[in-house]
C-alpha atoms as a PDB file:
ATOM      1  CA  MET A   1       5.414   6.201  -6.458  1.00  0.00           C
ATOM      2  CA  LEU A   2       7.083   4.502  -3.382  1.00  0.00           C
ATOM      3  CA  GLU A   3       7.534   7.913  -1.439  1.00  0.00           C
ATOM      4  CA  ARG A   4       3.914   8.916  -2.103  1.00  0.00           C
ATOM      5  CA  LEU A   5       2.669   5.196  -0.892  1.00  0.00           C
ATOM      6  CA  ALA A   6       4.703   5.695   2.233  1.00  0.00           C
ATOM      7  CA  GLU A   7       2.695   9.180   2.860  1.00  0.00           C
ATOM      8  CA  ILE A   8      -0.356   6.977   2.768  1.00  0.00           C
ATOM      9  CA  ILE A   9       0.978   4.225   4.699  1.00  0.00           C
ATOM     10  CA  CYS A  10       1.493   6.599   7.835  1.00  0.00           C
ATOM     11  CA  ASN A  11      -2.109   7.562   7.629  1.00  0.00           C
ATOM     12  CA  TYR A  12      -3.319   4.176   8.842  1.00  0.00           C
ATOM     13  CA  VAL A  13      -0.128   2.706  11.282  1.00  0.00           C
ATOM     14  CA  GLU A  14       2.333   4.496  13.900  1.00  0.00           C
ATOM     15  CA  VAL A  15       5.416   4.478  11.396  1.00  0.00           C
ATOM     16  CA  GLU A  16       7.721   6.993  10.060  1.00  0.00           C
ATOM     17  CA  PRO A  17       8.028   6.898   6.463  1.00  0.00           C
ATOM     18  CA  SER A  18      11.896   6.552   6.735  1.00  0.00           C
ATOM     19  CA  ASP A  19      10.989   3.074   8.063  1.00  0.00           C
ATOM     20  CA  ILE A  20       9.138   2.328   4.998  1.00  0.00           C
ATOM     21  CA  HIS A  21      11.177   0.112   2.601  1.00  0.00           C
ATOM     22  CA  GLU A  22      10.303  -1.716  -0.509  1.00  0.00           C
ATOM     23  CA  ASP A  23      10.701  -5.105   1.462  1.00  0.00           C
ATOM     24  CA  SER A  24       8.573  -4.204   4.011  1.00  0.00           C
ATOM     25  CA  ARG A  25       5.567  -6.461   5.018  1.00  0.00           C
ATOM     26  CA  PHE A  26       2.370  -4.849   5.603  1.00  0.00           C
ATOM     27  CA  MET A  27       0.988  -7.055   8.205  1.00  0.00           C
ATOM     28  CA  GLU A  28       4.214  -8.476  10.032  1.00  0.00           C
ATOM     29  CA  ASP A  29       6.347  -5.135   9.524  1.00  0.00           C
ATOM     30  CA  LEU A  30       4.321  -2.296   9.704  1.00  0.00           C
ATOM     31  CA  GLY A  31       1.374  -3.823  11.602  1.00  0.00           C
ATOM     32  CA  PHE A  32      -1.285  -3.300   9.427  1.00  0.00           C
ATOM     33  CA  THR A  33      -4.944  -5.250  10.052  1.00  0.00           C
ATOM     34  CA  SER A  34      -6.805  -6.507   6.959  1.00  0.00           C
ATOM     35  CA  PHE A  35      -9.233  -3.417   8.024  1.00  0.00           C
ATOM     36  CA  ASP A  36      -6.372  -1.143   7.678  1.00  0.00           C
ATOM     37  CA  PHE A  37      -5.343  -2.791   4.339  1.00  0.00           C
ATOM     38  CA  MET A  38      -8.672  -2.224   2.578  1.00  0.00           C
ATOM     39  CA  SER A  39      -9.315   1.219   3.775  1.00  0.00           C
ATOM     40  CA  MET A  40      -6.091   1.955   2.649  1.00  0.00           C
ATOM     41  CA  LEU A  41      -6.968   0.206  -0.541  1.00  0.00           C
ATOM     42  CA  GLY A  42      -9.794   2.420  -1.360  1.00  0.00           C
ATOM     43  CA  GLU A  43      -7.732   5.835  -0.592  1.00  0.00           C
ATOM     44  CA  LEU A  44      -5.284   4.379  -3.410  1.00  0.00           C
ATOM     45  CA  GLU A  45      -7.946   4.127  -5.624  1.00  0.00           C
ATOM     46  CA  GLU A  46      -9.259   7.784  -5.147  1.00  0.00           C
ATOM     47  CA  GLU A  47      -5.444   9.167  -4.940  1.00  0.00           C
ATOM     48  CA  PHE A  48      -4.411   7.423  -8.322  1.00  0.00           C
ATOM     49  CA  ASP A  49      -7.961   7.302  -9.998  1.00  0.00           C
ATOM     50  CA  ILE A  50      -7.718   3.466 -10.662  1.00  0.00           C
ATOM     51  CA  GLU A  51      -9.418   0.544  -9.861  1.00  0.00           C
ATOM     52  CA  ILE A  52      -8.246  -2.115  -7.835  1.00  0.00           C
ATOM     53  CA  ASP A  53      -8.759  -6.044  -8.486  1.00  0.00           C
ATOM     54  CA  GLN A  54      -9.553  -7.294  -4.624  1.00  0.00           C
ATOM     55  CA  LYS A  55      -8.088 -10.730  -6.225  1.00  0.00           C
ATOM     56  CA  GLU A  56      -4.906  -9.385  -7.703  1.00  0.00           C
ATOM     57  CA  VAL A  57      -3.905  -7.619  -4.691  1.00  0.00           C
ATOM     58  CA  SER A  58      -4.653 -10.453  -2.242  1.00  0.00           C
ATOM     59  CA  ASP A  59      -1.168 -11.709  -3.409  1.00  0.00           C
ATOM     60  CA  ILE A  60       0.305  -8.110  -2.636  1.00  0.00           C
ATOM     61  CA  ARG A  61       2.258  -8.722   0.779  1.00  0.00           C
ATOM     62  CA  THR A  62       5.216  -5.821   0.673  1.00  0.00           C
ATOM     63  CA  VAL A  63       5.262  -2.276   0.182  1.00  0.00           C
ATOM     64  CA  GLY A  64       7.583  -2.980  -3.197  1.00  0.00           C
ATOM     65  CA  GLN A  65       4.532  -5.113  -4.584  1.00  0.00           C
ATOM     66  CA  ALA A  66       2.292  -2.731  -3.961  1.00  0.00           C
ATOM     67  CA  ALA A  67       4.304   0.078  -5.888  1.00  0.00           C
ATOM     68  CA  GLU A  68       4.912  -2.183  -8.718  1.00  0.00           C
ATOM     69  CA  TYR A  69       0.990  -3.098  -9.046  1.00  0.00           C
ATOM     70  CA  LEU A  70      -0.264   0.701  -8.362  1.00  0.00           C
ATOM     71  CA  GLU A  71       2.623   1.720 -11.158  1.00  0.00           C
ATOM     72  CA  LYS A  72       1.102  -0.976 -13.705  1.00  0.00           C
ATOM     73  CA  LEU A  73      -2.490   0.172 -13.285  1.00  0.00           C
ATOM     74  CA  ALA A  74      -1.772   4.163 -13.101  1.00  0.00           C
ATOM     75  CA  GLY A  75       0.394   3.672 -16.541  1.00  0.00           C
END
């Protein structure tokens, strides 16, 4: 999940997949804007055929947290 998430992240910000780690923070470390983040969530919903709860993702700050949340949804 983490590798696929890193590939998707690279569609939104100028960063190499090898520079994306579980503890990388979307805004502070990877340079995401809130628009980038929301756009990525839409792509993740399509990619994994899941529905993301906007309230739950508001607490997600790191790539590792996002991967864990996606794994939980994807079952």
